[in-house]
Amino acid sequence: MSRYKDKVTQSSKQTRAARDWRHHHATWDYQIITLIIDNLLEIISSLAIFGVTVCVAPGTRWLLHLYSRCGML
């Protein structure tokens, strides 16, 4: 019985470690993407301030819409 319990304990530790690893990397990826989007928005807004015509692609417009819906703008 002890041998079975040890295997179950080891398996649950491995599962927990894998879940923690996935969560850590998902959070890290989200932070990187958010940082990139923030920098792009800052560049676009500063170009607009200096009177440079900015061609906003549909994808960028969608991102701006998504950002505003999430309350990040």
C-alpha atoms as a PDB file:
ATOM      1  CA  MET A   1       0.000   0.000   0.000  1.00  0.00           C
ATOM      2  CA  SER A   2       2.847   2.355   0.797  1.00  0.00           C
ATOM      3  CA  ARG A   3       4.347   1.820  -2.646  1.00  0.00           C
ATOM      4  CA  TYR A   4       1.053   2.779  -4.317  1.00  0.00           C
ATOM      5  CA  LYS A   5       0.759   5.865  -2.097  1.00  0.00           C
ATOM      6  CA  ASP A   6       4.300   6.932  -3.040  1.00  0.00           C
ATOM      7  CA  LYS A   7       3.476   6.629  -6.755  1.00  0.00           C
ATOM      8  CA  VAL A   8       0.275   8.646  -6.330  1.00  0.00           C
ATOM      9  CA  THR A   9       2.146  11.321  -4.357  1.00  0.00           C
ATOM     10  CA  GLN A  10       4.878  11.514  -7.002  1.00  0.00           C
ATOM     11  CA  SER A  11       2.298  11.710  -9.775  1.00  0.00           C
ATOM     12  CA  SER A  12       0.400  14.519  -8.055  1.00  0.00           C
ATOM     13  CA  LYS A  13       3.649  16.442  -7.504  1.00  0.00           C
ATOM     14  CA  GLN A  14       4.506  16.107 -11.207  1.00  0.00           C
ATOM     15  CA  THR A  15       1.001  17.233 -12.190  1.00  0.00           C
ATOM     16  CA  ARG A  16       1.219  20.226  -9.865  1.00  0.00           C
ATOM     17  CA  ALA A  17       4.667  21.161 -11.203  1.00  0.00           C
ATOM     18  CA  ALA A  18       3.441  20.960 -14.804  1.00  0.00           C
ATOM     19  CA  ARG A  19       0.387  23.097 -13.992  1.00  0.00           C
ATOM     20  CA  ASP A  20       2.516  25.693 -12.205  1.00  0.00           C
ATOM     21  CA  TRP A  21       4.955  25.774 -15.148  1.00  0.00           C
ATOM     22  CA  ARG A  22       2.123  26.303 -17.660  1.00  0.00           C
ATOM     23  CA  HIS A  23       0.546  29.026 -15.526  1.00  0.00           C
ATOM     24  CA  HIS A  24       3.890  30.811 -15.092  1.00  0.00           C
ATOM     25  CA  HIS A  25       4.600  30.799 -18.826  1.00  0.00           C
ATOM     26  CA  ALA A  26       1.063  31.851 -19.745  1.00  0.00           C
ATOM     27  CA  THR A  27       1.368  34.804 -17.362  1.00  0.00           C
ATOM     28  CA  TRP A  28       4.807  35.656 -18.747  1.00  0.00           C
ATOM     29  CA  ASP A  29       3.536  35.502 -22.369  1.00  0.00           C
ATOM     30  CA  TYR A  30       0.605  37.753 -21.455  1.00  0.00           C
ATOM     31  CA  GLN A  31       2.959  40.295 -19.861  1.00  0.00           C
ATOM     32  CA  ILE A  32       5.210  40.350 -22.929  1.00  0.00           C
ATOM     33  CA  ILE A  33       2.264  40.753 -25.322  1.00  0.00           C
ATOM     34  CA  THR A  34       0.791  43.511 -23.147  1.00  0.00           C
ATOM     35  CA  LEU A  35       4.145  45.308 -23.064  1.00  0.00           C
ATOM     36  CA  ILE A  36       4.485  45.124 -26.865  1.00  0.00           C
ATOM     37  CA  ILE A  37       0.935  46.395 -27.417  1.00  0.00           C
ATOM     38  CA  ASP A  38       1.471  49.228 -24.925  1.00  0.00           C
ATOM     39  CA  ASN A  39       4.642  50.293 -26.747  1.00  0.00           C
ATOM     40  CA  LEU A  40       2.932  50.151 -30.144  1.00  0.00           C
ATOM     41  CA  LEU A  41       0.031  52.243 -28.864  1.00  0.00           C
ATOM     42  CA  GLU A  42       2.460  54.754 -27.400  1.00  0.00           C
ATOM     43  CA  ILE A  43       4.328  55.013 -30.709  1.00  0.00           C
ATOM     44  CA  ILE A  44       1.081  55.445 -32.663  1.00  0.00           C
ATOM     45  CA  SER A  45      -0.199  58.110 -30.276  1.00  0.00           C
ATOM     46  CA  SER A  46       3.083  60.031 -30.331  1.00  0.00           C
ATOM     47  CA  LEU A  47       3.093  59.934 -34.142  1.00  0.00           C
ATOM     48  CA  ALA A  48      -0.460  61.261 -34.136  1.00  0.00           C
ATOM     49  CA  ILE A  49       0.552  64.053 -31.727  1.00  0.00           C
ATOM     50  CA  PHE A  50       3.319  65.217 -34.078  1.00  0.00           C
ATOM     51  CA  GLY A  51       0.862  65.386 -36.971  1.00  0.00           C
ATOM     52  CA  VAL A  52       2.196  62.396 -38.866  1.00  0.00           C
ATOM     53  CA  THR A  53      -0.498  60.587 -40.793  1.00  0.00           C
ATOM     54  CA  VAL A  54      -0.854  57.128 -39.308  1.00  0.00           C
ATOM     55  CA  CYS A  55      -2.388  54.425 -41.420  1.00  0.00           C
ATOM     56  CA  VAL A  56      -4.265  52.254 -38.934  1.00  0.00           C
ATOM     57  CA  ALA A  57      -4.548  48.690 -40.133  1.00  0.00           C
ATOM     58  CA  PRO A  58      -7.772  46.783 -39.374  1.00  0.00           C
ATOM     59  CA  GLY A  59      -5.861  44.557 -36.969  1.00  0.00           C
ATOM     60  CA  THR A  60      -4.616  47.548 -35.002  1.00  0.00           C
ATOM     61  CA  ARG A  61      -8.101  49.010 -34.917  1.00  0.00           C
ATOM     62  CA  TRP A  62      -9.389  45.677 -33.581  1.00  0.00           C
ATOM     63  CA  LEU A  63      -6.670  45.682 -30.901  1.00  0.00           C
ATOM     64  CA  LEU A  64      -7.588  49.211 -29.868  1.00  0.00           C
ATOM     65  CA  HIS A  65     -11.230  48.155 -29.644  1.00  0.00           C
ATOM     66  CA  LEU A  66     -10.301  45.092 -27.573  1.00  0.00           C
ATOM     67  CA  TYR A  67      -8.085  47.155 -25.285  1.00  0.00           C
ATOM     68  CA  SER A  68     -10.810  49.729 -24.718  1.00  0.00           C
ATOM     69  CA  ARG A  69     -13.369  46.980 -24.002  1.00  0.00           C
ATOM     70  CA  CYS A  70     -11.058  45.485 -21.356  1.00  0.00           C
ATOM     71  CA  GLY A  71     -10.674  48.882 -19.713  1.00  0.00           C
ATOM     72  CA  MET A  72      -6.949  49.115 -20.416  1.00  0.00           C
ATOM     73  CA  LEU A  73      -7.164  52.390 -22.330  1.00  0.00           C
END
